[in-house]
Amino acid sequence: MKKILFFGTQIATGGAQKLLLQQCNYFYKNGYDVLAVFLYSKEDLLNKWRKLYPFRIISLNSWSTDRVSFSKVIKLIKGIFRLIYLLITEKISIIETFTYESNLIGIPFAWLFRVPIRIATFHGLSKNPSRIFLILHGLIINLFASKLVLVSKHLEKFAIRDEKIKPNKLITITNGIDLPKLNKDPMATRKQIRDELKLKPIDNVFISVGRLCYEKDHKSLLLAIAKIVVVYPNIKVLIVGDGEENEKLVGLSKKLKIETNVIFLGFRSNIMELLIASDFFIMTSVSEGYPLVLIEAKIVGLPIITTDFDGVENIIEDGVNGLIAEMKNPDHIAEKAIELLNCKDLQKRLSKSNSAQIKSTEQMCAEYLDLFEQLECN
């Protein structure tokens, strides 16, 4: 039986983790021996995941919150040795890595210890990596990876231009999505959620879903809201997600005096129900790979406002199925939101669903299986 090691950075709630676990599930059900390995656990989810999933989930405990750099280095080295031990003793046939960090660590060590198939993935930029970091990542992919999977076609240009990755190393496999089945009809769900959140029928409800981190740029969202409420004081904005910027963003909402307009919901598992309860979807990211929540918002039929991050044109056509604003420009984001609120006809036009274009998680995983089999043949 072939063994696959899926390697991520942190055990936490996020898009890359969700994709990793989805692939683990698929390959486990298809007869593979699967290991999900992470550098460290950021949230208290390890035991919960172990009870929830049938495959093995391992934390290398290779990150420290200590301020002393020396202790962090020691912990990272110990974690790498744990990874090497797994690569040797488990006789891994395939490794797939899910982040820049796991690509940099997992791919060269997998090559060194003769793992036959070594797949790195690229889900989008994290903050602003240095030029040296990008060159190092490109060098490792060129020298040691069997393939680099891009989750969106627009990332190919970046990989070739900025990281100098060879085109024959690249393949695009877009993310898949499975929609949860609702127990109630949509209108009943909408009323229930709005009642729970104490939302009034006259409230114009925006929703933003994503980790509270630099890449999602919720700061620009809050600054835009402060401008929108001047014209539409009855708007409410549901911010769904948790992350390192939570405390700072809550403080900013109070400073801007919009705390009654903004509802921080933290992590939620009922995203589809929250989308149904909302009137508009808004995304202010500066970087994304292939944001599945944007697809979910389209399926629900929400009018969408998003920023012009690289690759958004693959999902949203400005003025056709959404409005696109300049990223890190609160004035322009607010302008687009007010334009949408002003025009009911525009709202109806943007609400059309594109569910026929959606790829399922199973279809996505089947593409990875095809890739593994092709590389095995070669």
Protein backbone atom coordinates (compact mmCIF):
# COMPACT_ATOMS: atom_id res chain seq x y z
CA MET A 1 0.00 0.00 0.00
CA LYS A 2 1.36 3.40 -0.99
CA LYS A 3 1.93 5.92 1.77
CA ILE A 4 1.28 9.63 1.26
CA LEU A 5 2.52 12.29 3.66
CA PHE A 6 0.56 15.55 3.46
CA PHE A 7 2.67 18.27 5.08
CA GLY A 8 1.35 21.62 6.31
CA THR A 9 2.67 24.41 8.50
CA GLN A 10 0.19 24.81 11.34
CA ILE A 11 -2.80 23.02 12.78
CA ALA A 12 -5.29 25.85 12.57
CA THR A 13 -8.52 26.91 10.89
CA GLY A 14 -7.73 27.99 7.34
CA GLY A 15 -8.14 27.29 3.64
CA ALA A 16 -4.86 25.37 3.15
CA GLN A 17 -5.62 23.16 6.16
CA LYS A 18 -9.12 22.45 4.86
CA LEU A 19 -7.72 21.37 1.48
CA LEU A 20 -5.08 19.21 3.12
CA LEU A 21 -7.67 17.38 5.22
CA GLN A 22 -10.01 16.97 2.22
CA GLN A 23 -7.23 15.31 0.23
CA CYS A 24 -6.29 13.12 3.18
CA ASN A 25 -9.90 11.93 3.42
CA TYR A 26 -10.15 11.22 -0.31
CA PHE A 27 -6.93 9.20 -0.54
CA TYR A 28 -7.60 7.34 2.70
CA LYS A 29 -11.00 6.22 1.32
CA ASN A 30 -9.27 5.18 -1.89
CA GLY A 31 -6.98 2.75 -0.11
CA TYR A 32 -3.86 4.83 0.54
CA ASP A 33 -2.07 4.92 3.89
CA VAL A 34 -2.24 8.62 4.79
CA LEU A 35 -0.35 10.80 7.26
CA ALA A 36 -1.24 14.44 7.90
CA VAL A 37 1.84 16.13 9.37
CA PHE A 38 2.14 19.72 10.58
CA LEU A 39 5.09 21.74 11.85
CA TYR A 40 3.15 22.85 14.92
CA SER A 41 -0.29 23.30 16.43
CA LYS A 42 -1.42 26.92 16.59
CA GLU A 43 -4.96 26.33 17.79
CA ASP A 44 -6.21 23.65 20.19
CA LEU A 45 -7.44 21.40 17.38
CA LEU A 46 -5.07 18.40 17.32
CA ASN A 47 -7.11 16.12 19.60
CA LYS A 48 -10.36 17.23 17.99
CA TRP A 49 -9.05 16.41 14.50
CA ARG A 50 -7.72 13.05 15.67
CA LYS A 51 -11.20 12.09 16.89
CA LEU A 52 -12.85 13.43 13.75
CA TYR A 53 -10.66 11.85 11.04
CA PRO A 54 -9.70 8.19 10.53
CA PHE A 55 -6.12 8.84 9.35
CA ARG A 56 -3.09 9.73 11.45
CA ILE A 57 -2.51 13.40 12.29
CA ILE A 58 0.89 14.39 13.70
CA SER A 59 2.29 17.64 15.06
CA LEU A 60 6.09 17.95 14.94
CA ASN A 61 5.95 20.56 17.75
CA SER A 62 8.61 22.51 15.91
CA TRP A 63 7.66 26.07 16.79
CA SER A 64 8.05 28.02 20.02
CA THR A 65 6.37 31.20 21.20
CA ASP A 66 9.47 32.02 23.25
CA ARG A 67 11.09 35.34 22.43
CA VAL A 68 14.55 33.81 22.57
CA SER A 69 15.58 33.01 19.00
CA PHE A 70 17.95 30.23 20.10
CA SER A 71 15.13 28.17 21.64
CA LYS A 72 13.06 28.60 18.46
CA VAL A 73 15.94 27.29 16.34
CA ILE A 74 16.44 24.27 18.61
CA LYS A 75 12.74 23.44 18.48
CA LEU A 76 12.69 23.75 14.68
CA ILE A 77 15.72 21.46 14.36
CA LYS A 78 14.05 18.86 16.59
CA GLY A 79 10.92 19.09 14.45
CA ILE A 80 12.93 18.53 11.27
CA PHE A 81 14.51 15.43 12.79
CA ARG A 82 11.02 14.13 13.61
CA LEU A 83 10.07 14.69 9.98
CA ILE A 84 13.17 12.83 8.78
CA TYR A 85 12.31 9.95 11.12
CA LEU A 86 8.83 9.72 9.58
CA LEU A 87 10.21 9.85 6.03
CA ILE A 88 12.59 6.96 6.77
CA THR A 89 10.53 4.69 9.03
CA GLU A 90 7.19 5.11 7.24
CA LYS A 91 8.72 4.53 3.79
CA ILE A 92 6.77 7.38 2.23
CA SER A 93 5.98 7.04 -1.50
CA ILE A 94 4.50 10.52 -2.06
CA ILE A 95 4.80 13.82 -0.20
CA GLU A 96 2.61 16.85 -0.86
CA THR A 97 3.41 20.14 0.86
CA PHE A 98 0.89 22.96 1.29
CA THR A 99 2.64 26.22 2.18
CA TYR A 100 5.85 28.10 1.44
CA GLU A 101 7.31 26.96 4.77
CA SER A 102 6.39 23.31 4.28
CA ASN A 103 7.66 23.46 0.68
CA LEU A 104 11.04 24.80 1.84
CA ILE A 105 11.43 22.14 4.54
CA GLY A 106 9.55 19.12 3.24
CA ILE A 107 10.60 18.99 -0.42
CA PRO A 108 14.43 18.97 -0.04
CA PHE A 109 14.39 16.49 2.86
CA ALA A 110 11.97 14.24 0.94
CA TRP A 111 14.43 14.33 -2.00
CA LEU A 112 17.38 13.63 0.31
CA PHE A 113 15.66 10.59 1.79
CA ARG A 114 14.51 9.27 -1.58
CA VAL A 115 10.77 9.90 -1.55
CA PRO A 116 9.93 9.15 -5.22
CA ILE A 117 7.15 11.72 -5.79
CA ARG A 118 7.50 15.22 -4.28
CA ILE A 119 4.63 17.65 -4.88
CA ALA A 120 4.77 21.25 -3.66
CA THR A 121 1.74 23.54 -3.84
CA PHE A 122 1.28 27.30 -4.11
CA HIS A 123 -1.95 28.80 -2.72
CA GLY A 124 -1.00 32.48 -2.93
CA LEU A 125 1.43 34.89 -1.32
CA SER A 126 1.75 35.33 2.42
CA LYS A 127 2.56 38.95 3.31
CA ASN A 128 5.48 40.34 1.29
CA PRO A 129 8.24 37.73 1.07
CA SER A 130 11.76 39.00 0.47
CA ARG A 131 13.50 38.60 -2.87
CA ILE A 132 15.96 36.13 -1.33
CA PHE A 133 13.08 34.06 0.04
CA LEU A 134 11.43 33.87 -3.40
CA ILE A 135 14.67 32.90 -5.14
CA LEU A 136 15.34 30.22 -2.50
CA HIS A 137 11.83 28.82 -2.93
CA GLY A 138 12.23 28.76 -6.71
CA LEU A 139 15.62 27.06 -6.45
CA ILE A 140 14.24 24.32 -4.19
CA ILE A 141 11.29 23.69 -6.51
CA ASN A 142 13.55 23.52 -9.59
CA LEU A 143 16.08 21.20 -7.94
CA PHE A 144 14.01 18.92 -5.73
CA ALA A 145 10.26 19.00 -6.53
CA SER A 146 8.57 16.68 -9.02
CA LYS A 147 5.91 19.35 -9.64
CA LEU A 148 4.59 22.60 -8.20
CA VAL A 149 0.78 22.70 -8.19
CA LEU A 150 -0.75 26.16 -8.59
CA VAL A 151 -4.34 26.61 -7.40
CA SER A 152 -5.00 29.35 -9.95
CA LYS A 153 -3.65 30.05 -13.43
CA HIS A 154 -2.63 33.63 -12.55
CA LEU A 155 0.00 32.30 -10.12
CA GLU A 156 1.93 30.77 -13.03
CA LYS A 157 3.18 34.17 -14.22
CA PHE A 158 4.41 35.02 -10.73
CA ALA A 159 6.15 31.66 -10.27
CA ILE A 160 8.03 31.98 -13.57
CA ARG A 161 8.82 35.71 -13.37
CA ASP A 162 9.58 36.24 -9.67
CA GLU A 163 10.75 32.80 -8.54
CA LYS A 164 12.40 31.70 -11.81
CA ILE A 165 10.63 28.35 -11.65
CA LYS A 166 10.88 26.26 -14.82
CA PRO A 167 7.56 26.11 -16.71
CA ASN A 168 7.76 22.30 -17.00
CA LYS A 169 7.63 22.10 -13.19
CA LEU A 170 4.22 23.81 -13.06
CA ILE A 171 0.68 22.46 -13.25
CA THR A 172 -2.60 24.17 -12.32
CA ILE A 173 -5.27 22.34 -10.30
CA THR A 174 -7.99 24.66 -9.05
CA ASN A 175 -9.59 24.01 -5.69
CA GLY A 176 -12.84 22.10 -5.41
CA ILE A 177 -15.80 22.82 -3.19
CA ASP A 178 -18.57 20.77 -1.61
CA LEU A 179 -21.64 22.64 -0.46
CA PRO A 180 -23.23 21.53 2.82
CA LYS A 181 -26.84 20.41 2.70
CA LEU A 182 -29.10 22.72 4.68
CA ASN A 183 -31.61 21.15 7.06
CA LYS A 184 -34.08 23.99 6.48
CA ASP A 185 -35.27 25.94 3.50
CA PRO A 186 -33.14 29.05 2.77
CA MET A 187 -35.75 31.57 3.94
CA ALA A 188 -36.18 29.79 7.29
CA THR A 189 -32.40 29.63 7.67
CA ARG A 190 -32.09 33.33 6.85
CA LYS A 191 -34.71 34.31 9.43
CA GLN A 192 -33.21 32.07 12.13
CA ILE A 193 -29.66 33.40 11.72
CA ARG A 194 -30.76 37.03 11.52
CA ASP A 195 -32.86 36.58 14.66
CA GLU A 196 -29.91 35.01 16.49
CA LEU A 197 -27.68 37.95 15.51
CA LYS A 198 -30.42 40.48 16.36
CA LEU A 199 -30.44 41.85 12.82
CA LYS A 200 -33.42 43.97 11.83
CA PRO A 201 -35.31 43.48 8.52
CA ILE A 202 -34.22 46.97 7.41
CA ASP A 203 -30.52 46.29 8.04
CA ASN A 204 -28.27 46.02 4.97
CA VAL A 205 -26.01 43.14 5.97
CA PHE A 206 -22.53 42.68 4.51
CA ILE A 207 -20.46 39.60 5.30
CA SER A 208 -16.68 39.13 5.13
CA VAL A 209 -15.16 35.69 5.70
CA GLY A 210 -11.48 34.97 6.27
CA ARG A 211 -8.66 34.82 8.80
CA LEU A 212 -7.98 38.09 10.57
CA CYS A 213 -4.51 38.56 9.15
CA TYR A 214 -2.48 40.89 6.96
CA GLU A 215 -3.45 39.24 3.65
CA LYS A 216 -7.19 39.81 4.19
CA ASP A 217 -6.68 43.54 4.98
CA HIS A 218 -9.68 43.99 7.30
CA LYS A 219 -8.23 47.36 8.25
CA SER A 220 -9.24 48.75 4.85
CA LEU A 221 -12.65 47.15 5.31
CA LEU A 222 -13.22 48.92 8.63
CA LEU A 223 -12.01 52.25 7.24
CA ALA A 224 -14.44 51.81 4.34
CA ILE A 225 -17.31 50.98 6.71
CA ALA A 226 -16.68 54.23 8.59
CA LYS A 227 -17.36 56.05 5.31
CA ILE A 228 -20.36 53.96 4.29
CA VAL A 229 -22.25 54.49 7.57
CA VAL A 230 -22.29 58.23 6.93
CA VAL A 231 -24.62 57.53 3.98
CA TYR A 232 -26.20 54.27 5.18
CA PRO A 233 -26.20 54.21 9.00
CA ASN A 234 -28.26 51.00 9.08
CA ILE A 235 -25.56 48.73 7.58
CA LYS A 236 -24.24 45.78 9.56
CA VAL A 237 -21.02 43.94 8.72
CA LEU A 238 -20.47 40.35 9.85
CA ILE A 239 -16.75 39.61 10.12
CA VAL A 240 -16.30 35.85 10.27
CA GLY A 241 -12.91 34.44 11.20
CA ASP A 242 -10.21 34.58 13.82
CA GLY A 243 -6.53 35.43 13.73
CA GLU A 244 -3.62 37.45 15.02
CA GLU A 245 -5.17 40.83 14.15
CA ASN A 246 -8.43 40.25 16.05
CA GLU A 247 -7.66 42.49 19.03
CA LYS A 248 -6.27 45.27 16.84
CA LEU A 249 -9.32 45.24 14.57
CA VAL A 250 -11.79 45.30 17.44
CA GLY A 251 -9.90 48.29 18.83
CA LEU A 252 -9.97 50.04 15.45
CA SER A 253 -13.74 49.55 15.14
CA LYS A 254 -14.18 51.29 18.50
CA LYS A 255 -11.80 54.08 17.53
CA LEU A 256 -13.80 54.64 14.31
CA LYS A 257 -17.05 54.52 16.34
CA ILE A 258 -18.51 51.76 14.17
CA GLU A 259 -18.64 49.05 16.84
CA THR A 260 -22.45 48.98 16.62
CA ASN A 261 -22.21 48.36 12.85
CA VAL A 262 -19.58 45.63 12.98
CA ILE A 263 -20.17 42.16 14.46
CA PHE A 264 -17.04 40.06 15.04
CA LEU A 265 -18.26 36.45 14.96
CA GLY A 266 -14.93 34.64 15.30
CA PHE A 267 -14.56 31.18 13.80
CA ARG A 268 -17.84 29.70 12.54
CA SER A 269 -18.52 26.37 10.86
CA ASN A 270 -21.91 27.41 9.42
CA ILE A 271 -20.54 29.69 6.69
CA MET A 272 -23.22 28.81 4.15
CA GLU A 273 -26.01 29.68 6.61
CA LEU A 274 -24.34 33.00 7.42
CA LEU A 275 -24.05 33.79 3.71
CA ILE A 276 -27.75 33.06 3.24
CA ALA A 277 -28.56 35.41 6.13
CA SER A 278 -26.56 38.24 4.51
CA ASP A 279 -27.38 40.68 1.70
CA PHE A 280 -23.91 41.39 0.29
CA PHE A 281 -20.47 39.76 0.30
CA ILE A 282 -17.31 41.85 0.63
CA MET A 283 -13.66 40.81 0.35
CA THR A 284 -10.78 43.27 0.82
CA SER A 285 -7.79 40.94 0.43
CA VAL A 286 -4.41 41.98 -0.94
CA SER A 287 -3.50 38.39 -1.81
CA GLU A 288 -5.50 35.23 -2.52
CA GLY A 289 -4.93 31.95 -4.28
CA TYR A 290 -8.34 30.65 -5.28
CA PRO A 291 -10.76 31.87 -2.57
CA LEU A 292 -13.50 29.24 -2.19
CA VAL A 293 -15.65 31.53 -0.05
CA LEU A 294 -15.99 33.83 -3.07
CA ILE A 295 -17.37 30.87 -5.01
CA GLU A 296 -19.74 30.07 -2.15
CA ALA A 297 -21.00 33.66 -2.15
CA LYS A 298 -21.65 33.40 -5.89
CA ILE A 299 -23.60 30.17 -5.44
CA VAL A 300 -25.78 31.73 -2.75
CA GLY A 301 -26.38 34.61 -5.15
CA LEU A 302 -24.98 37.47 -3.08
CA PRO A 303 -23.92 40.68 -4.82
CA ILE A 304 -20.14 40.75 -4.42
CA ILE A 305 -17.60 43.50 -3.83
CA THR A 306 -13.98 42.40 -3.96
CA THR A 307 -10.58 44.01 -4.31
CA ASP A 308 -8.38 43.65 -7.38
CA PHE A 309 -5.92 41.08 -6.01
CA ASP A 310 -4.05 39.04 -8.64
CA GLY A 311 -6.32 36.38 -10.09
CA VAL A 312 -9.67 37.88 -9.08
CA GLU A 313 -10.47 38.24 -12.79
CA ASN A 314 -10.66 34.43 -12.97
CA ILE A 315 -13.71 34.54 -10.67
CA ILE A 316 -15.28 38.02 -10.91
CA GLU A 317 -15.90 40.16 -13.97
CA ASP A 318 -16.32 43.77 -12.89
CA GLY A 319 -19.89 44.95 -13.38
CA VAL A 320 -21.08 41.53 -14.57
CA ASN A 321 -21.10 39.25 -11.52
CA GLY A 322 -19.49 41.57 -8.98
CA LEU A 323 -17.82 44.93 -8.38
CA ILE A 324 -14.04 45.24 -8.13
CA ALA A 325 -12.38 47.95 -6.01
CA GLU A 326 -8.73 48.92 -5.68
CA MET A 327 -7.07 47.02 -2.85
CA LYS A 328 -5.86 48.98 0.17
CA ASN A 329 -8.10 51.86 -0.93
CA PRO A 330 -10.92 52.34 1.63
CA ASP A 331 -12.35 55.30 -0.33
CA HIS A 332 -12.80 53.19 -3.46
CA ILE A 333 -14.19 50.22 -1.51
CA ALA A 334 -16.73 52.52 0.16
CA GLU A 335 -17.59 54.08 -3.20
CA LYS A 336 -18.36 50.66 -4.69
CA ALA A 337 -20.45 49.66 -1.66
CA ILE A 338 -22.51 52.88 -1.80
CA GLU A 339 -22.97 52.41 -5.56
CA LEU A 340 -24.35 48.93 -4.87
CA LEU A 341 -26.60 50.08 -2.02
CA ASN A 342 -27.96 52.89 -4.20
CA CYS A 343 -29.12 50.65 -7.05
CA LYS A 344 -31.59 47.76 -6.59
CA ASP A 345 -31.31 46.85 -10.28
CA LEU A 346 -27.54 46.46 -9.94
CA GLN A 347 -28.04 44.27 -6.86
CA LYS A 348 -30.41 41.97 -8.78
CA ARG A 349 -28.08 41.76 -11.78
CA LEU A 350 -25.07 40.82 -9.67
CA SER A 351 -27.04 38.20 -7.74
CA LYS A 352 -27.05 35.63 -10.51
CA SER A 353 -25.48 32.32 -9.53
CA ASN A 354 -22.76 30.50 -11.46
CA SER A 355 -23.10 27.12 -9.77
CA ALA A 356 -22.70 25.22 -13.06
CA GLN A 357 -19.01 26.16 -13.13
CA ILE A 358 -18.23 24.70 -9.71
CA LYS A 359 -15.74 21.86 -9.36
CA SER A 360 -16.36 19.37 -6.53
CA THR A 361 -13.74 18.35 -3.97
CA GLU A 362 -13.83 14.83 -5.38
CA GLN A 363 -13.06 16.13 -8.89
CA MET A 364 -10.16 18.15 -7.51
CA CYS A 365 -8.72 15.15 -5.64
CA ALA A 366 -9.12 12.97 -8.76
CA GLU A 367 -6.89 15.45 -10.62
CA TYR A 368 -4.24 15.06 -7.91
CA LEU A 369 -4.57 11.27 -8.21
CA ASP A 370 -4.04 11.54 -11.97
CA LEU A 371 -0.93 13.66 -11.35
CA PHE A 372 0.48 11.12 -8.85
CA GLU A 373 -0.12 8.27 -11.31
CA GLN A 374 1.49 10.17 -14.21
CA LEU A 375 4.59 10.92 -12.14
CA GLU A 376 4.75 7.31 -10.98
CA CYS A 377 4.70 6.13 -14.60
CA ASN A 378 7.48 8.56 -15.51
